[in-house]
């Protein structure tokens, strides 16, 4: 039973989740809204839509059954990890909101760090990057050229993510620098705009025609709300990634080329050039260096052998 002392106002998991999702929607935090909505749907499916239970009803055995259910549905390890991290986050928020007590907290015993969330490194070589930057595509469509330009721009501007590219305006260019706030972390970024990156910006100037965005992704007359903008980012990014895969085939680059590869490659190539990880972390707008390490490709065999040769 829930601890029903006066300081607590017990809420069901269903009610508390719906309150969270509404608060994210009202704040325009579409990413969080989507994550918690996905988590709620997963919990509904697991419990056969019987979520009128209290957080104190979730014990270690319950979590083990939830894990077993997810594995029976062939969910990937990263997906399972995300579902458990979101549930744990909701539980923590419920404790903070006095909707439950930490007396019943099951995540001290059920360690969600056990899930293997290692992802395949996405960085490509500097030679492949230069091939994308310098090789002209013959008879390319607008979307193919745009996909290539987005990839190049991301790489040249410290691995700027697609969602941040979409939100750039002319006001983000200050004294030859790209100055913007990350959509995801809300950290401030300031990086120099090299000549090649400025050429890309100028290339799409005619598309603006008074519009405030640097790149032809959002239409300010249509994409007004956070959800409309999130939907547009999702749609255009999928189109760009599709074209990047075709570009990789054309250039014979053996990689699953996406916009995120540009970001990973930026970090990895700088690391292999001897740049301090702390500086790379700052350029990428990460809150801490641990996040940056996820992006960094492992040292290749040749580098390891070279390092070992210093032993003698």
C-alpha atoms as a PDB file:
ATOM      1  CA  UNK A   1       0.000   0.000   0.000  1.00  0.00           C
ATOM      2  CA  UNK A   2       1.073   3.592  -0.663  1.00  0.00           C
ATOM      3  CA  UNK A   3       2.267   5.607   2.324  1.00  0.00           C
ATOM      4  CA  UNK A   4      -0.797   7.807   2.819  1.00  0.00           C
ATOM      5  CA  UNK A   5       0.574  10.333   5.278  1.00  0.00           C
ATOM      6  CA  UNK A   6      -0.606  13.895   4.766  1.00  0.00           C
ATOM      7  CA  UNK A   7       2.533  14.944   2.934  1.00  0.00           C
ATOM      8  CA  UNK A   8       1.751  12.638  -0.017  1.00  0.00           C
ATOM      9  CA  UNK A   9      -0.941  12.874  -2.672  1.00  0.00           C
ATOM     10  CA  UNK A  10      -0.793   9.423  -4.328  1.00  0.00           C
ATOM     11  CA  UNK A  11      -1.477   9.368  -8.069  1.00  0.00           C
ATOM     12  CA  UNK A  12      -1.863   6.475 -10.428  1.00  0.00           C
ATOM     13  CA  UNK A  13       0.836   5.875 -13.009  1.00  0.00           C
ATOM     14  CA  UNK A  14      -1.656   6.686 -15.755  1.00  0.00           C
ATOM     15  CA  UNK A  15      -2.688  10.007 -14.215  1.00  0.00           C
ATOM     16  CA  UNK A  16       0.867  11.081 -13.440  1.00  0.00           C
ATOM     17  CA  UNK A  17       2.115  10.217 -16.942  1.00  0.00           C
ATOM     18  CA  UNK A  18      -0.701  12.203 -18.533  1.00  0.00           C
ATOM     19  CA  UNK A  19       0.173  15.194 -16.343  1.00  0.00           C
ATOM     20  CA  UNK A  20       3.827  14.934 -17.376  1.00  0.00           C
ATOM     21  CA  UNK A  21       2.987  14.670 -21.064  1.00  0.00           C
ATOM     22  CA  UNK A  22       0.665  17.687 -20.840  1.00  0.00           C
ATOM     23  CA  UNK A  23       3.338  19.752 -19.081  1.00  0.00           C
ATOM     24  CA  UNK A  24       5.863  18.895 -21.819  1.00  0.00           C
ATOM     25  CA  UNK A  25       3.320  19.790 -24.503  1.00  0.00           C
ATOM     26  CA  UNK A  26       2.498  23.119 -22.849  1.00  0.00           C
ATOM     27  CA  UNK A  27       6.213  23.925 -22.573  1.00  0.00           C
ATOM     28  CA  UNK A  28       6.808  23.078 -26.245  1.00  0.00           C
ATOM     29  CA  UNK A  29       9.188  20.240 -25.310  1.00  0.00           C
ATOM     30  CA  UNK A  30       8.122  17.940 -28.131  1.00  0.00           C
ATOM     31  CA  UNK A  31      11.053  15.571 -27.719  1.00  0.00           C
ATOM     32  CA  UNK A  32      10.225  14.840 -24.068  1.00  0.00           C
ATOM     33  CA  UNK A  33       6.520  14.622 -24.901  1.00  0.00           C
ATOM     34  CA  UNK A  34       7.265  11.995 -27.539  1.00  0.00           C
ATOM     35  CA  UNK A  35       9.533   9.933 -25.243  1.00  0.00           C
ATOM     36  CA  UNK A  36       7.052   9.827 -22.357  1.00  0.00           C
ATOM     37  CA  UNK A  37       4.122   9.143 -24.683  1.00  0.00           C
ATOM     38  CA  UNK A  38       6.044   6.199 -26.118  1.00  0.00           C
ATOM     39  CA  UNK A  39       6.796   4.979 -22.596  1.00  0.00           C
ATOM     40  CA  UNK A  40       3.136   5.281 -21.592  1.00  0.00           C
ATOM     41  CA  UNK A  41       2.044   3.299 -24.648  1.00  0.00           C
ATOM     42  CA  UNK A  42       4.586   0.592 -23.837  1.00  0.00           C
ATOM     43  CA  UNK A  43       3.344   0.344 -20.249  1.00  0.00           C
ATOM     44  CA  UNK A  44      -0.274   0.206 -21.466  1.00  0.00           C
ATOM     45  CA  UNK A  45       0.566  -2.653 -23.801  1.00  0.00           C
ATOM     46  CA  UNK A  46       2.397  -4.548 -21.048  1.00  0.00           C
ATOM     47  CA  UNK A  47      -0.415  -4.152 -18.509  1.00  0.00           C
ATOM     48  CA  UNK A  48      -3.227  -4.627 -21.065  1.00  0.00           C
ATOM     49  CA  UNK A  49      -4.243  -1.020 -20.488  1.00  0.00           C
ATOM     50  CA  UNK A  50      -4.555  -1.495 -16.729  1.00  0.00           C
ATOM     51  CA  UNK A  51      -2.412   1.391 -15.512  1.00  0.00           C
ATOM     52  CA  UNK A  52      -4.662   2.553 -12.692  1.00  0.00           C
ATOM     53  CA  UNK A  53      -2.024   1.357 -10.279  1.00  0.00           C
ATOM     54  CA  UNK A  54       0.234   3.272  -7.918  1.00  0.00           C
ATOM     55  CA  UNK A  55       3.978   3.638  -8.284  1.00  0.00           C
ATOM     56  CA  UNK A  56       4.358   1.587  -5.114  1.00  0.00           C
ATOM     57  CA  UNK A  57       2.855  -1.364  -7.013  1.00  0.00           C
ATOM     58  CA  UNK A  58       5.997  -1.472  -9.146  1.00  0.00           C
ATOM     59  CA  UNK A  59       8.475  -3.745  -7.404  1.00  0.00           C
ATOM     60  CA  UNK A  60      11.518  -5.650  -8.651  1.00  0.00           C
ATOM     61  CA  UNK A  61       9.445  -8.648  -9.775  1.00  0.00           C
ATOM     62  CA  UNK A  62       7.174  -6.310 -11.752  1.00  0.00           C
ATOM     63  CA  UNK A  63      10.207  -4.782 -13.471  1.00  0.00           C
ATOM     64  CA  UNK A  64      11.588  -8.233 -14.281  1.00  0.00           C
ATOM     65  CA  UNK A  65       8.284  -9.190 -15.895  1.00  0.00           C
ATOM     66  CA  UNK A  66       8.321  -5.935 -17.869  1.00  0.00           C
ATOM     67  CA  UNK A  67      11.839  -6.713 -19.109  1.00  0.00           C
ATOM     68  CA  UNK A  68      10.841 -10.275 -20.052  1.00  0.00           C
ATOM     69  CA  UNK A  69       7.808  -8.929 -21.938  1.00  0.00           C
ATOM     70  CA  UNK A  70       9.940  -6.481 -23.899  1.00  0.00           C
ATOM     71  CA  UNK A  71      12.420  -9.189 -24.852  1.00  0.00           C
ATOM     72  CA  UNK A  72       9.572 -11.438 -25.977  1.00  0.00           C
ATOM     73  CA  UNK A  73       8.558  -8.615 -28.322  1.00  0.00           C
ATOM     74  CA  UNK A  74      12.095  -8.612 -29.808  1.00  0.00           C
ATOM     75  CA  UNK A  75      12.835  -5.071 -28.631  1.00  0.00           C
ATOM     76  CA  UNK A  76      16.421  -3.952 -29.093  1.00  0.00           C
ATOM     77  CA  UNK A  77      18.641  -3.473 -26.049  1.00  0.00           C
ATOM     78  CA  UNK A  78      18.752   0.291 -26.588  1.00  0.00           C
ATOM     79  CA  UNK A  79      14.944   0.398 -26.756  1.00  0.00           C
ATOM     80  CA  UNK A  80      14.591  -1.577 -23.528  1.00  0.00           C
ATOM     81  CA  UNK A  81      17.117   0.685 -21.847  1.00  0.00           C
ATOM     82  CA  UNK A  82      15.228   3.801 -22.940  1.00  0.00           C
ATOM     83  CA  UNK A  83      11.909   2.421 -21.685  1.00  0.00           C
ATOM     84  CA  UNK A  84      13.360   1.645 -18.261  1.00  0.00           C
ATOM     85  CA  UNK A  85      15.199   4.962 -18.008  1.00  0.00           C
ATOM     86  CA  UNK A  86      12.002   6.827 -18.869  1.00  0.00           C
ATOM     87  CA  UNK A  87       9.994   4.853 -16.316  1.00  0.00           C
ATOM     88  CA  UNK A  88      12.661   5.490 -13.680  1.00  0.00           C
ATOM     89  CA  UNK A  89      12.627   9.189 -14.544  1.00  0.00           C
ATOM     90  CA  UNK A  90       8.833   9.290 -14.184  1.00  0.00           C
ATOM     91  CA  UNK A  91       9.135   7.523 -10.823  1.00  0.00           C
ATOM     92  CA  UNK A  92      11.721  10.084  -9.665  1.00  0.00           C
ATOM     93  CA  UNK A  93       9.474  12.933 -10.781  1.00  0.00           C
ATOM     94  CA  UNK A  94       6.572  11.335  -8.898  1.00  0.00           C
ATOM     95  CA  UNK A  95       8.678  11.232  -5.732  1.00  0.00           C
ATOM     96  CA  UNK A  96       9.633  14.873  -6.220  1.00  0.00           C
ATOM     97  CA  UNK A  97       5.980  15.809  -6.723  1.00  0.00           C
ATOM     98  CA  UNK A  98       4.970  13.882  -3.592  1.00  0.00           C
ATOM     99  CA  UNK A  99       2.840  11.567  -5.734  1.00  0.00           C
ATOM    100  CA  UNK A 100       4.596   8.605  -4.131  1.00  0.00           C
ATOM    101  CA  UNK A 101       7.224   7.821  -1.526  1.00  0.00           C
ATOM    102  CA  UNK A 102      10.840   6.826  -2.086  1.00  0.00           C
ATOM    103  CA  UNK A 103      10.209   4.072   0.469  1.00  0.00           C
ATOM    104  CA  UNK A 104       8.975   1.824  -2.330  1.00  0.00           C
ATOM    105  CA  UNK A 105      11.640   2.788  -4.909  1.00  0.00           C
ATOM    106  CA  UNK A 106      12.605  -0.427  -6.801  1.00  0.00           C
ATOM    107  CA  UNK A 107      15.469   0.897  -8.941  1.00  0.00           C
ATOM    108  CA  UNK A 108      18.088   0.599  -6.191  1.00  0.00           C
ATOM    109  CA  UNK A 109      17.874  -3.167  -6.533  1.00  0.00           C
ATOM    110  CA  UNK A 110      16.922  -3.328 -10.209  1.00  0.00           C
ATOM    111  CA  UNK A 111      19.937  -1.799 -11.953  1.00  0.00           C
ATOM    112  CA  UNK A 112      19.065  -0.559 -15.425  1.00  0.00           C
ATOM    113  CA  UNK A 113      22.730   0.052 -16.268  1.00  0.00           C
ATOM    114  CA  UNK A 114      22.957  -3.662 -17.010  1.00  0.00           C
ATOM    115  CA  UNK A 115      21.449  -3.130 -20.442  1.00  0.00           C
ATOM    116  CA  UNK A 116      24.012  -3.137 -23.231  1.00  0.00           C
ATOM    117  CA  UNK A 117      23.472   0.192 -24.963  1.00  0.00           C
ATOM    118  CA  UNK A 118      26.688   0.311 -26.938  1.00  0.00           C
ATOM    119  CA  UNK A 119      25.936   1.505 -30.428  1.00  0.00           C
ATOM    120  CA  UNK A 120      27.879   0.954 -33.573  1.00  0.00           C
ATOM    121  CA  UNK A 121      30.239   3.841 -34.182  1.00  0.00           C
ATOM    122  CA  UNK A 122      29.062   5.976 -37.078  1.00  0.00           C
ATOM    123  CA  UNK A 123      32.167   7.965 -37.993  1.00  0.00           C
ATOM    124  CA  UNK A 124      33.720   7.675 -41.439  1.00  0.00           C
ATOM    125  CA  UNK A 125      37.282   8.419 -42.480  1.00  0.00           C
ATOM    126  CA  UNK A 126      38.630  11.843 -43.346  1.00  0.00           C
ATOM    127  CA  UNK A 127      39.197  10.629 -46.919  1.00  0.00           C
ATOM    128  CA  UNK A 128      35.513   9.732 -47.229  1.00  0.00           C
ATOM    129  CA  UNK A 129      34.537  13.105 -45.776  1.00  0.00           C
ATOM    130  CA  UNK A 130      36.712  14.889 -48.335  1.00  0.00           C
ATOM    131  CA  UNK A 131      35.151  12.820 -51.115  1.00  0.00           C
ATOM    132  CA  UNK A 132      31.686  13.994 -50.061  1.00  0.00           C
ATOM    133  CA  UNK A 133      32.856  17.605 -49.824  1.00  0.00           C
ATOM    134  CA  UNK A 134      34.771  17.765 -53.102  1.00  0.00           C
ATOM    135  CA  UNK A 135      33.065  15.338 -55.496  1.00  0.00           C
ATOM    136  CA  UNK A 136      30.399  16.931 -57.649  1.00  0.00           C
ATOM    137  CA  UNK A 137      27.255  14.886 -58.182  1.00  0.00           C
ATOM    138  CA  UNK A 138      26.307  14.559 -61.857  1.00  0.00           C
ATOM    139  CA  UNK A 139      22.723  15.502 -62.760  1.00  0.00           C
ATOM    140  CA  UNK A 140      21.779  15.658 -59.087  1.00  0.00           C
ATOM    141  CA  UNK A 141      18.242  16.492 -58.008  1.00  0.00           C
ATOM    142  CA  UNK A 142      17.638  19.410 -55.642  1.00  0.00           C
ATOM    143  CA  UNK A 143      17.070  17.096 -52.661  1.00  0.00           C
ATOM    144  CA  UNK A 144      20.300  15.164 -53.395  1.00  0.00           C
ATOM    145  CA  UNK A 145      22.314  18.394 -53.539  1.00  0.00           C
ATOM    146  CA  UNK A 146      20.563  19.667 -50.433  1.00  0.00           C
ATOM    147  CA  UNK A 147      21.323  16.439 -48.540  1.00  0.00           C
ATOM    148  CA  UNK A 148      24.987  16.708 -49.495  1.00  0.00           C
ATOM    149  CA  UNK A 149      25.116  20.375 -48.466  1.00  0.00           C
ATOM    150  CA  UNK A 150      23.466  19.638 -45.108  1.00  0.00           C
ATOM    151  CA  UNK A 151      26.041  16.908 -44.432  1.00  0.00           C
ATOM    152  CA  UNK A 152      28.923  19.204 -45.403  1.00  0.00           C
ATOM    153  CA  UNK A 153      27.566  22.099 -43.361  1.00  0.00           C
ATOM    154  CA  UNK A 154      27.151  19.925 -40.280  1.00  0.00           C
ATOM    155  CA  UNK A 155      30.704  18.623 -40.526  1.00  0.00           C
ATOM    156  CA  UNK A 156      32.198  22.074 -41.175  1.00  0.00           C
ATOM    157  CA  UNK A 157      30.253  23.674 -38.310  1.00  0.00           C
ATOM    158  CA  UNK A 158      31.328  21.479 -35.409  1.00  0.00           C
ATOM    159  CA  UNK A 159      28.866  18.666 -36.090  1.00  0.00           C
ATOM    160  CA  UNK A 160      25.743  20.809 -35.753  1.00  0.00           C
ATOM    161  CA  UNK A 161      22.685  18.481 -35.592  1.00  0.00           C
ATOM    162  CA  UNK A 162      19.983  18.580 -38.263  1.00  0.00           C
ATOM    163  CA  UNK A 163      17.351  20.023 -35.913  1.00  0.00           C
ATOM    164  CA  UNK A 164      19.639  22.947 -35.112  1.00  0.00           C
ATOM    165  CA  UNK A 165      20.410  23.494 -38.802  1.00  0.00           C
ATOM    166  CA  UNK A 166      16.666  23.680 -39.445  1.00  0.00           C
ATOM    167  CA  UNK A 167      16.221  26.399 -36.823  1.00  0.00           C
ATOM    168  CA  UNK A 168      19.090  28.636 -37.934  1.00  0.00           C
ATOM    169  CA  UNK A 169      18.226  32.172 -39.010  1.00  0.00           C
ATOM    170  CA  UNK A 170      20.284  35.058 -40.358  1.00  0.00           C
ATOM    171  CA  UNK A 171      20.370  36.374 -36.781  1.00  0.00           C
ATOM    172  CA  UNK A 172      22.522  33.380 -35.789  1.00  0.00           C
ATOM    173  CA  UNK A 173      25.409  34.755 -37.854  1.00  0.00           C
ATOM    174  CA  UNK A 174      27.335  37.228 -35.703  1.00  0.00           C
ATOM    175  CA  UNK A 175      30.759  38.604 -36.652  1.00  0.00           C
ATOM    176  CA  UNK A 176      31.611  35.649 -38.871  1.00  0.00           C
ATOM    177  CA  UNK A 177      30.518  33.118 -36.263  1.00  0.00           C
ATOM    178  CA  UNK A 178      27.564  30.778 -35.951  1.00  0.00           C
ATOM    179  CA  UNK A 179      26.003  31.577 -32.595  1.00  0.00           C
ATOM    180  CA  UNK A 180      22.977  29.501 -31.595  1.00  0.00           C
ATOM    181  CA  UNK A 181      21.326  27.607 -28.751  1.00  0.00           C
ATOM    182  CA  UNK A 182      21.072  23.819 -29.010  1.00  0.00           C
ATOM    183  CA  UNK A 183      17.481  22.619 -29.322  1.00  0.00           C
ATOM    184  CA  UNK A 184      18.235  19.497 -27.292  1.00  0.00           C
ATOM    185  CA  UNK A 185      20.469  20.693 -24.454  1.00  0.00           C
ATOM    186  CA  UNK A 186      19.775  24.452 -24.614  1.00  0.00           C
ATOM    187  CA  UNK A 187      23.526  25.058 -24.423  1.00  0.00           C
ATOM    188  CA  UNK A 188      25.001  28.043 -26.252  1.00  0.00           C
ATOM    189  CA  UNK A 189      27.312  27.329 -29.194  1.00  0.00           C
ATOM    190  CA  UNK A 190      29.715  29.708 -30.932  1.00  0.00           C
ATOM    191  CA  UNK A 191      31.807  28.425 -33.843  1.00  0.00           C
ATOM    192  CA  UNK A 192      33.584  30.157 -36.688  1.00  0.00           C
ATOM    193  CA  UNK A 193      32.001  29.865 -40.119  1.00  0.00           C
ATOM    194  CA  UNK A 194      34.609  28.790 -42.649  1.00  0.00           C
ATOM    195  CA  UNK A 195      34.496  29.921 -46.266  1.00  0.00           C
ATOM    196  CA  UNK A 196      32.993  26.633 -47.525  1.00  0.00           C
ATOM    197  CA  UNK A 197      30.205  26.757 -44.918  1.00  0.00           C
ATOM    198  CA  UNK A 198      29.400  30.369 -45.814  1.00  0.00           C
ATOM    199  CA  UNK A 199      29.168  29.391 -49.469  1.00  0.00           C
ATOM    200  CA  UNK A 200      26.516  26.826 -48.546  1.00  0.00           C
ATOM    201  CA  UNK A 201      24.548  29.449 -46.621  1.00  0.00           C
ATOM    202  CA  UNK A 202      24.720  31.853 -49.564  1.00  0.00           C
ATOM    203  CA  UNK A 203      23.708  29.089 -51.960  1.00  0.00           C
ATOM    204  CA  UNK A 204      20.252  28.919 -50.374  1.00  0.00           C
ATOM    205  CA  UNK A 205      19.790  32.667 -49.962  1.00  0.00           C
ATOM    206  CA  UNK A 206      17.417  32.852 -52.936  1.00  0.00           C
ATOM    207  CA  UNK A 207      15.096  30.362 -51.237  1.00  0.00           C
ATOM    208  CA  UNK A 208      14.649  32.681 -48.279  1.00  0.00           C
ATOM    209  CA  UNK A 209      13.050  35.625 -50.068  1.00  0.00           C
ATOM    210  CA  UNK A 210      12.461  37.367 -46.786  1.00  0.00           C
ATOM    211  CA  UNK A 211      11.928  34.145 -44.822  1.00  0.00           C
ATOM    212  CA  UNK A 212      13.843  34.042 -41.562  1.00  0.00           C
ATOM    213  CA  UNK A 213      15.419  30.576 -41.832  1.00  0.00           C
ATOM    214  CA  UNK A 214      18.837  29.978 -43.442  1.00  0.00           C
ATOM    215  CA  UNK A 215      17.859  26.656 -45.004  1.00  0.00           C
ATOM    216  CA  UNK A 216      14.641  25.701 -46.865  1.00  0.00           C
ATOM    217  CA  UNK A 217      13.290  23.341 -44.213  1.00  0.00           C
ATOM    218  CA  UNK A 218      10.703  25.354 -42.274  1.00  0.00           C
ATOM    219  CA  UNK A 219       8.082  27.629 -43.766  1.00  0.00           C
ATOM    220  CA  UNK A 220       7.309  30.209 -41.085  1.00  0.00           C
ATOM    221  CA  UNK A 221       3.782  30.576 -42.463  1.00  0.00           C
ATOM    222  CA  UNK A 222       3.067  26.870 -41.923  1.00  0.00           C
ATOM    223  CA  UNK A 223       5.404  25.508 -39.272  1.00  0.00           C
ATOM    224  CA  UNK A 224       4.466  27.602 -36.256  1.00  0.00           C
ATOM    225  CA  UNK A 225       3.939  25.324 -33.266  1.00  0.00           C
ATOM    226  CA  UNK A 226       6.671  23.152 -31.699  1.00  0.00           C
ATOM    227  CA  UNK A 227       4.810  20.012 -32.823  1.00  0.00           C
ATOM    228  CA  UNK A 228       4.493  21.232 -36.414  1.00  0.00           C
ATOM    229  CA  UNK A 229       8.212  22.007 -36.465  1.00  0.00           C
ATOM    230  CA  UNK A 230       9.080  18.636 -34.916  1.00  0.00           C
ATOM    231  CA  UNK A 231       6.997  16.826 -37.540  1.00  0.00           C
ATOM    232  CA  UNK A 232       8.679  18.792 -40.323  1.00  0.00           C
ATOM    233  CA  UNK A 233      12.168  18.040 -38.989  1.00  0.00           C
ATOM    234  CA  UNK A 234      11.333  14.340 -38.811  1.00  0.00           C
ATOM    235  CA  UNK A 235      10.004  14.292 -42.387  1.00  0.00           C
ATOM    236  CA  UNK A 236      12.799  16.271 -44.048  1.00  0.00           C
ATOM    237  CA  UNK A 237      15.552  14.528 -42.085  1.00  0.00           C
ATOM    238  CA  UNK A 238      14.231  11.166 -43.307  1.00  0.00           C
ATOM    239  CA  UNK A 239      14.326  12.448 -46.894  1.00  0.00           C
ATOM    240  CA  UNK A 240      17.855  13.773 -46.456  1.00  0.00           C
ATOM    241  CA  UNK A 241      19.084  10.507 -44.910  1.00  0.00           C
ATOM    242  CA  UNK A 242      17.558   8.550 -47.799  1.00  0.00           C
ATOM    243  CA  UNK A 243      19.450  10.705 -50.282  1.00  0.00           C
ATOM    244  CA  UNK A 244      22.667  10.371 -48.279  1.00  0.00           C
ATOM    245  CA  UNK A 245      22.463   6.591 -48.539  1.00  0.00           C
ATOM    246  CA  UNK A 246      22.145   6.902 -52.325  1.00  0.00           C
ATOM    247  CA  UNK A 247      25.066   9.341 -52.332  1.00  0.00           C
ATOM    248  CA  UNK A 248      27.178   6.851 -50.370  1.00  0.00           C
ATOM    249  CA  UNK A 249      26.428   4.186 -52.976  1.00  0.00           C
ATOM    250  CA  UNK A 250      27.351   6.593 -55.767  1.00  0.00           C
ATOM    251  CA  UNK A 251      30.677   7.492 -54.136  1.00  0.00           C
ATOM    252  CA  UNK A 252      31.306   3.872 -53.062  1.00  0.00           C
ATOM    253  CA  UNK A 253      31.498   4.813 -49.395  1.00  0.00           C
ATOM    254  CA  UNK A 254      30.947   1.728 -47.261  1.00  0.00           C
ATOM    255  CA  UNK A 255      28.812   3.307 -44.529  1.00  0.00           C
ATOM    256  CA  UNK A 256      25.211   3.878 -43.539  1.00  0.00           C
ATOM    257  CA  UNK A 257      25.451   7.586 -44.300  1.00  0.00           C
ATOM    258  CA  UNK A 258      23.136   9.877 -42.290  1.00  0.00           C
ATOM    259  CA  UNK A 259      23.252  13.435 -40.992  1.00  0.00           C
ATOM    260  CA  UNK A 260      24.478  12.069 -37.669  1.00  0.00           C
ATOM    261  CA  UNK A 261      27.533  10.546 -39.358  1.00  0.00           C
ATOM    262  CA  UNK A 262      28.744  14.089 -39.996  1.00  0.00           C
ATOM    263  CA  UNK A 263      28.526  14.830 -36.263  1.00  0.00           C
ATOM    264  CA  UNK A 264      30.275  11.628 -35.238  1.00  0.00           C
ATOM    265  CA  UNK A 265      32.947  12.108 -37.889  1.00  0.00           C
ATOM    266  CA  UNK A 266      33.644  15.675 -36.776  1.00  0.00           C
ATOM    267  CA  UNK A 267      34.334  14.468 -33.225  1.00  0.00           C
ATOM    268  CA  UNK A 268      36.352  11.410 -34.216  1.00  0.00           C
ATOM    269  CA  UNK A 269      38.540  13.160 -36.789  1.00  0.00           C
ATOM    270  CA  UNK A 270      39.391  15.915 -34.307  1.00  0.00           C
ATOM    271  CA  UNK A 271      40.259  13.328 -31.665  1.00  0.00           C
ATOM    272  CA  UNK A 272      42.533  11.467 -34.056  1.00  0.00           C
ATOM    273  CA  UNK A 273      44.200  14.774 -34.876  1.00  0.00           C
ATOM    274  CA  UNK A 274      45.143  15.154 -31.219  1.00  0.00           C
ATOM    275  CA  UNK A 275      42.492  17.685 -30.183  1.00  0.00           C
ATOM    276  CA  UNK A 276      41.627  17.562 -26.479  1.00  0.00           C
ATOM    277  CA  UNK A 277      38.324  15.789 -25.758  1.00  0.00           C
ATOM    278  CA  UNK A 278      37.275  18.628 -23.472  1.00  0.00           C
ATOM    279  CA  UNK A 279      37.485  21.088 -26.372  1.00  0.00           C
ATOM    280  CA  UNK A 280      35.585  18.717 -28.664  1.00  0.00           C
ATOM    281  CA  UNK A 281      32.905  18.415 -25.979  1.00  0.00           C
ATOM    282  CA  UNK A 282      32.584  22.197 -25.762  1.00  0.00           C
ATOM    283  CA  UNK A 283      32.361  22.586 -29.549  1.00  0.00           C
ATOM    284  CA  UNK A 284      29.593  19.982 -29.705  1.00  0.00           C
ATOM    285  CA  UNK A 285      27.609  21.569 -26.880  1.00  0.00           C
ATOM    286  CA  UNK A 286      27.623  18.526 -24.616  1.00  0.00           C
ATOM    287  CA  UNK A 287      26.752  19.002 -20.956  1.00  0.00           C
ATOM    288  CA  UNK A 288      29.579  16.705 -19.892  1.00  0.00           C
ATOM    289  CA  UNK A 289      32.498  14.872 -21.445  1.00  0.00           C
ATOM    290  CA  UNK A 290      30.879  11.449 -20.980  1.00  0.00           C
ATOM    291  CA  UNK A 291      28.399  12.229 -23.745  1.00  0.00           C
ATOM    292  CA  UNK A 292      31.222  13.220 -26.071  1.00  0.00           C
ATOM    293  CA  UNK A 293      32.961   9.891 -25.583  1.00  0.00           C
ATOM    294  CA  UNK A 294      29.909   8.128 -27.022  1.00  0.00           C
ATOM    295  CA  UNK A 295      30.556   9.883 -30.317  1.00  0.00           C
ATOM    296  CA  UNK A 296      34.240   9.081 -30.473  1.00  0.00           C
ATOM    297  CA  UNK A 297      35.266   6.143 -32.568  1.00  0.00           C
ATOM    298  CA  UNK A 298      37.577   3.588 -30.959  1.00  0.00           C
ATOM    299  CA  UNK A 299      41.252   3.813 -31.839  1.00  0.00           C
ATOM    300  CA  UNK A 300      42.069   1.686 -34.842  1.00  0.00           C
ATOM    301  CA  UNK A 301      44.630  -1.115 -34.863  1.00  0.00           C
ATOM    302  CA  UNK A 302      47.325   1.000 -36.502  1.00  0.00           C
ATOM    303  CA  UNK A 303      47.080   3.651 -33.799  1.00  0.00           C
ATOM    304  CA  UNK A 304      47.269   1.036 -31.056  1.00  0.00           C
ATOM    305  CA  UNK A 305      50.390  -0.528 -32.589  1.00  0.00           C
ATOM    306  CA  UNK A 306      52.008   2.891 -32.940  1.00  0.00           C
ATOM    307  CA  UNK A 307      51.306   3.639 -29.289  1.00  0.00           C
ATOM    308  CA  UNK A 308      52.690   0.276 -28.149  1.00  0.00           C
ATOM    309  CA  UNK A 309      55.907   0.870 -30.086  1.00  0.00           C
ATOM    310  CA  UNK A 310      56.738   3.617 -27.580  1.00  0.00           C
ATOM    311  CA  UNK A 311      57.243   1.003 -24.880  1.00  0.00           C
ATOM    312  CA  UNK A 312      60.773   0.196 -26.094  1.00  0.00           C
END
